[in-house]
Amino acid sequence: MSAQPVHHGDGGPPPLPRTQNAVAAALPPADRMEFYREMGEADETELLGVLRRWWLRARLYADPLPDDVRTDIEAGTAPGRPAGAALRQAAAGRETSAGE
């Protein structure tokens, strides 16, 4: 019997667990301190959002975009619109539909 190679799906980085320790370990030191600060200041309703946001950032570091695209995303000038804006619009649409 021969050993089989390990594949990570599409050839990207291996999955990153959505845990505080895994996210912290995947971040550069300067960002890690900011992550711990935000986690420490978050109340029980904010913890999941903070962890999710930093998990996404850690994934970006693991599979980086080209510098110009990343710069545009961080500056808020990338094409498209923020997910938060889309979610607010969808929620407003549901409220309007419910009121009719």
N, C-alpha and C. Protein backbone atom coordinates (compact mmCIF):
# COMPACT_ATOMS: atom_id res chain seq x y z
N MET A 1 0.84 -1.17 0.00
CA MET A 1 0.00 0.00 0.00
C MET A 1 0.89 1.24 0.00
N SER A 2 0.54 2.24 -0.78
CA SER A 2 1.35 3.45 -0.84
C SER A 2 0.63 4.60 -0.14
N ALA A 3 1.40 5.56 0.27
CA ALA A 3 0.83 6.73 0.95
C ALA A 3 0.17 7.64 -0.07
N GLN A 4 -0.94 8.21 0.31
CA GLN A 4 -1.66 9.12 -0.56
C GLN A 4 -1.28 10.56 -0.21
N PRO A 5 -1.12 11.42 -1.22
CA PRO A 5 -0.81 12.82 -0.92
C PRO A 5 -2.00 13.49 -0.24
N VAL A 6 -1.70 14.49 0.56
CA VAL A 6 -2.74 15.26 1.24
C VAL A 6 -3.07 16.46 0.38
N HIS A 7 -4.35 16.63 0.07
CA HIS A 7 -4.80 17.76 -0.74
C HIS A 7 -5.71 18.64 0.11
N HIS A 8 -5.62 19.92 -0.13
CA HIS A 8 -6.46 20.89 0.60
C HIS A 8 -7.48 21.49 -0.35
N GLY A 9 -8.26 20.65 -1.02
CA GLY A 9 -9.32 21.14 -1.88
C GLY A 9 -8.79 21.80 -3.13
N ASP A 10 -8.94 23.09 -3.24
CA ASP A 10 -8.59 23.82 -4.46
C ASP A 10 -7.12 24.22 -4.54
N GLY A 11 -6.30 23.71 -3.66
CA GLY A 11 -4.88 24.06 -3.69
C GLY A 11 -4.55 25.28 -2.87
N GLY A 12 -5.55 25.87 -2.24
CA GLY A 12 -5.31 27.04 -1.39
C GLY A 12 -4.75 26.62 -0.05
N PRO A 13 -4.66 27.54 0.86
CA PRO A 13 -4.13 27.21 2.19
C PRO A 13 -5.06 26.26 2.93
N PRO A 14 -4.52 25.50 3.88
CA PRO A 14 -5.39 24.60 4.64
C PRO A 14 -6.43 25.40 5.43
N PRO A 15 -7.54 24.76 5.79
CA PRO A 15 -8.59 25.48 6.52
C PRO A 15 -8.08 26.05 7.85
N LEU A 16 -8.63 27.17 8.22
CA LEU A 16 -8.27 27.82 9.47
C LEU A 16 -9.44 27.67 10.44
N PRO A 17 -9.25 26.96 11.56
CA PRO A 17 -10.35 26.83 12.52
C PRO A 17 -10.80 28.20 13.02
N ARG A 18 -12.08 28.33 13.27
CA ARG A 18 -12.63 29.60 13.76
C ARG A 18 -12.58 29.63 15.27
N THR A 19 -11.36 29.58 15.79
CA THR A 19 -11.15 29.67 17.23
C THR A 19 -10.24 30.85 17.49
N GLN A 20 -10.31 31.38 18.70
CA GLN A 20 -9.49 32.53 19.06
C GLN A 20 -8.01 32.19 18.92
N ASN A 21 -7.59 31.03 19.40
CA ASN A 21 -6.18 30.67 19.33
C ASN A 21 -5.70 30.49 17.90
N ALA A 22 -6.51 29.85 17.04
CA ALA A 22 -6.11 29.63 15.65
C ALA A 22 -6.00 30.95 14.90
N VAL A 23 -6.96 31.84 15.12
CA VAL A 23 -6.93 33.14 14.45
C VAL A 23 -5.72 33.93 14.92
N ALA A 24 -5.48 33.98 16.21
CA ALA A 24 -4.34 34.73 16.74
C ALA A 24 -3.03 34.20 16.17
N ALA A 25 -2.89 32.89 16.08
CA ALA A 25 -1.65 32.29 15.57
C ALA A 25 -1.44 32.61 14.09
N ALA A 26 -2.52 32.84 13.34
CA ALA A 26 -2.41 33.10 11.91
C ALA A 26 -2.14 34.57 11.59
N LEU A 27 -2.23 35.43 12.58
CA LEU A 27 -2.05 36.87 12.36
C LEU A 27 -0.61 37.30 12.59
N PRO A 28 -0.16 38.34 11.88
CA PRO A 28 1.15 38.92 12.19
C PRO A 28 1.11 39.51 13.61
N PRO A 29 2.26 39.61 14.28
CA PRO A 29 2.30 40.07 15.68
C PRO A 29 1.56 41.39 15.94
N ALA A 30 1.72 42.39 15.09
CA ALA A 30 1.06 43.68 15.33
C ALA A 30 -0.45 43.53 15.28
N ASP A 31 -0.96 42.75 14.34
CA ASP A 31 -2.40 42.53 14.25
C ASP A 31 -2.89 41.64 15.38
N ARG A 32 -2.07 40.72 15.82
CA ARG A 32 -2.46 39.81 16.90
C ARG A 32 -2.79 40.60 18.16
N MET A 33 -1.98 41.60 18.47
CA MET A 33 -2.24 42.41 19.66
C MET A 33 -3.56 43.17 19.52
N GLU A 34 -3.84 43.69 18.34
CA GLU A 34 -5.10 44.40 18.10
C GLU A 34 -6.29 43.42 18.21
N PHE A 35 -6.12 42.22 17.69
CA PHE A 35 -7.15 41.18 17.79
C PHE A 35 -7.46 40.89 19.26
N TYR A 36 -6.43 40.66 20.05
CA TYR A 36 -6.64 40.37 21.47
C TYR A 36 -7.30 41.56 22.19
N ARG A 37 -6.92 42.78 21.82
CA ARG A 37 -7.53 43.96 22.43
C ARG A 37 -9.02 44.01 22.12
N GLU A 38 -9.38 43.81 20.83
CA GLU A 38 -10.79 43.85 20.45
C GLU A 38 -11.58 42.71 21.09
N MET A 39 -10.99 41.53 21.17
CA MET A 39 -11.68 40.41 21.81
C MET A 39 -11.91 40.70 23.28
N GLY A 40 -10.92 41.31 23.92
CA GLY A 40 -11.03 41.63 25.34
C GLY A 40 -12.04 42.70 25.64
N GLU A 41 -12.27 43.62 24.70
CA GLU A 41 -13.22 44.71 24.91
C GLU A 41 -14.64 44.36 24.47
N ALA A 42 -14.79 43.26 23.70
CA ALA A 42 -16.11 42.90 23.17
C ALA A 42 -16.99 42.30 24.26
N ASP A 43 -18.27 42.67 24.23
CA ASP A 43 -19.20 42.03 25.16
C ASP A 43 -19.74 40.77 24.50
N GLU A 44 -20.64 40.07 25.19
CA GLU A 44 -21.10 38.77 24.70
C GLU A 44 -21.82 38.86 23.36
N THR A 45 -22.41 40.00 23.04
CA THR A 45 -23.11 40.14 21.77
C THR A 45 -22.16 40.46 20.62
N GLU A 46 -20.96 40.92 20.92
CA GLU A 46 -20.00 41.33 19.90
C GLU A 46 -18.92 40.29 19.63
N LEU A 47 -18.72 39.35 20.53
CA LEU A 47 -17.60 38.41 20.41
C LEU A 47 -17.57 37.67 19.08
N LEU A 48 -18.69 37.11 18.66
CA LEU A 48 -18.71 36.34 17.42
C LEU A 48 -18.36 37.21 16.22
N GLY A 49 -18.87 38.43 16.20
CA GLY A 49 -18.56 39.34 15.09
C GLY A 49 -17.09 39.70 15.03
N VAL A 50 -16.48 39.95 16.18
CA VAL A 50 -15.05 40.26 16.23
C VAL A 50 -14.25 39.06 15.75
N LEU A 51 -14.58 37.89 16.25
CA LEU A 51 -13.86 36.68 15.83
C LEU A 51 -14.01 36.45 14.34
N ARG A 52 -15.23 36.59 13.83
CA ARG A 52 -15.48 36.37 12.40
C ARG A 52 -14.69 37.37 11.56
N ARG A 53 -14.69 38.63 11.91
CA ARG A 53 -13.98 39.65 11.13
C ARG A 53 -12.47 39.37 11.09
N TRP A 54 -11.91 39.02 12.25
CA TRP A 54 -10.47 38.73 12.29
C TRP A 54 -10.15 37.40 11.63
N TRP A 55 -11.06 36.43 11.67
CA TRP A 55 -10.86 35.16 10.96
C TRP A 55 -10.75 35.43 9.46
N LEU A 56 -11.64 36.29 8.95
CA LEU A 56 -11.57 36.63 7.53
C LEU A 56 -10.25 37.32 7.19
N ARG A 57 -9.82 38.20 8.06
CA ARG A 57 -8.54 38.89 7.83
C ARG A 57 -7.39 37.88 7.85
N ALA A 58 -7.40 36.94 8.78
CA ALA A 58 -6.35 35.92 8.86
C ALA A 58 -6.35 35.07 7.59
N ARG A 59 -7.54 34.77 7.04
CA ARG A 59 -7.61 34.01 5.78
C ARG A 59 -7.00 34.82 4.65
N LEU A 60 -7.21 36.12 4.68
CA LEU A 60 -6.63 36.98 3.65
C LEU A 60 -5.11 36.94 3.72
N TYR A 61 -4.55 36.95 4.92
CA TYR A 61 -3.10 36.85 5.07
C TYR A 61 -2.59 35.50 4.57
N ALA A 62 -3.38 34.45 4.78
CA ALA A 62 -2.96 33.11 4.37
C ALA A 62 -3.02 32.93 2.86
N ASP A 63 -3.90 33.64 2.19
CA ASP A 63 -4.07 33.54 0.74
C ASP A 63 -4.19 34.96 0.19
N PRO A 64 -3.08 35.70 0.17
CA PRO A 64 -3.16 37.13 -0.11
C PRO A 64 -3.61 37.47 -1.53
N LEU A 65 -4.30 38.58 -1.61
CA LEU A 65 -4.69 39.15 -2.89
C LEU A 65 -3.53 39.97 -3.43
N PRO A 66 -3.55 40.30 -4.70
CA PRO A 66 -2.52 41.22 -5.21
C PRO A 66 -2.55 42.52 -4.42
N ASP A 67 -1.40 43.16 -4.27
CA ASP A 67 -1.28 44.36 -3.44
C ASP A 67 -2.28 45.45 -3.80
N ASP A 68 -2.49 45.70 -5.10
CA ASP A 68 -3.39 46.78 -5.49
C ASP A 68 -4.84 46.46 -5.12
N VAL A 69 -5.25 45.21 -5.23
CA VAL A 69 -6.61 44.82 -4.86
C VAL A 69 -6.78 44.93 -3.35
N ARG A 70 -5.80 44.45 -2.61
CA ARG A 70 -5.88 44.52 -1.15
C ARG A 70 -5.94 45.97 -0.67
N THR A 71 -5.13 46.83 -1.27
CA THR A 71 -5.12 48.24 -0.90
C THR A 71 -6.49 48.86 -1.16
N ASP A 72 -7.10 48.53 -2.30
CA ASP A 72 -8.43 49.05 -2.61
C ASP A 72 -9.48 48.57 -1.60
N ILE A 73 -9.39 47.29 -1.21
CA ILE A 73 -10.35 46.75 -0.25
C ILE A 73 -10.19 47.44 1.10
N GLU A 74 -8.96 47.57 1.56
CA GLU A 74 -8.72 48.20 2.87
C GLU A 74 -9.11 49.67 2.87
N ALA A 75 -8.98 50.34 1.71
CA ALA A 75 -9.35 51.75 1.61
C ALA A 75 -10.84 51.95 1.36
N GLY A 76 -11.55 50.85 1.10
CA GLY A 76 -12.98 50.96 0.82
C GLY A 76 -13.28 51.45 -0.58
N THR A 77 -12.32 51.34 -1.50
CA THR A 77 -12.52 51.82 -2.87
C THR A 77 -12.62 50.69 -3.88
N ALA A 78 -12.70 49.45 -3.41
CA ALA A 78 -12.83 48.32 -4.33
C ALA A 78 -14.21 48.32 -4.96
N PRO A 79 -14.34 47.74 -6.16
CA PRO A 79 -15.67 47.67 -6.77
C PRO A 79 -16.63 46.87 -5.90
N GLY A 80 -17.89 47.13 -6.04
CA GLY A 80 -18.89 46.44 -5.22
C GLY A 80 -19.28 47.30 -4.04
N ARG A 81 -19.92 46.66 -3.09
CA ARG A 81 -20.30 47.40 -1.90
C ARG A 81 -20.08 46.51 -0.68
N PRO A 82 -19.91 47.12 0.46
CA PRO A 82 -19.65 46.35 1.66
C PRO A 82 -20.80 45.40 1.99
N ALA A 83 -20.47 44.26 2.55
CA ALA A 83 -21.49 43.29 2.95
C ALA A 83 -22.46 43.91 3.95
N GLY A 84 -21.94 44.74 4.85
CA GLY A 84 -22.80 45.39 5.84
C GLY A 84 -23.88 46.23 5.19
N ALA A 85 -23.53 46.93 4.11
CA ALA A 85 -24.52 47.75 3.41
C ALA A 85 -25.58 46.88 2.75
N ALA A 86 -25.15 45.76 2.16
CA ALA A 86 -26.10 44.85 1.52
C ALA A 86 -27.04 44.24 2.56
N LEU A 87 -26.51 43.88 3.72
CA LEU A 87 -27.33 43.30 4.79
C LEU A 87 -28.34 44.32 5.33
N ARG A 88 -27.88 45.57 5.50
CA ARG A 88 -28.80 46.62 5.98
C ARG A 88 -29.94 46.84 4.98
N GLN A 89 -29.61 46.84 3.69
CA GLN A 89 -30.63 47.04 2.66
C GLN A 89 -31.62 45.87 2.67
N ALA A 90 -31.11 44.65 2.79
CA ALA A 90 -32.00 43.48 2.83
C ALA A 90 -32.91 43.53 4.05
N ALA A 91 -32.37 43.92 5.20
CA ALA A 91 -33.18 44.02 6.43
C ALA A 91 -34.25 45.08 6.27
N ALA A 92 -33.89 46.21 5.68
CA ALA A 92 -34.86 47.28 5.47
C ALA A 92 -35.96 46.81 4.52
N GLY A 93 -35.60 46.03 3.51
CA GLY A 93 -36.59 45.49 2.58
C GLY A 93 -37.55 44.54 3.27
N ARG A 94 -37.02 43.71 4.18
CA ARG A 94 -37.88 42.79 4.94
C ARG A 94 -38.83 43.56 5.85
N GLU A 95 -38.33 44.61 6.47
CA GLU A 95 -39.19 45.41 7.37
C GLU A 95 -40.30 46.09 6.57
N THR A 96 -39.96 46.58 5.38
CA THR A 96 -40.95 47.23 4.54
C THR A 96 -42.02 46.23 4.10
N SER A 97 -41.57 45.02 3.71
CA SER A 97 -42.50 43.97 3.28
C SER A 97 -43.40 43.53 4.41
N ALA A 98 -42.86 43.44 5.62
CA ALA A 98 -43.63 43.00 6.78
C ALA A 98 -44.69 44.04 7.16
N GLY A 99 -44.42 45.29 6.90
CA GLY A 99 -45.34 46.35 7.28
C GLY A 99 -46.48 46.53 6.31
N GLU A 100 -46.44 45.87 5.17
CA GLU A 100 -47.49 46.05 4.16
C GLU A 100 -48.66 45.17 4.41
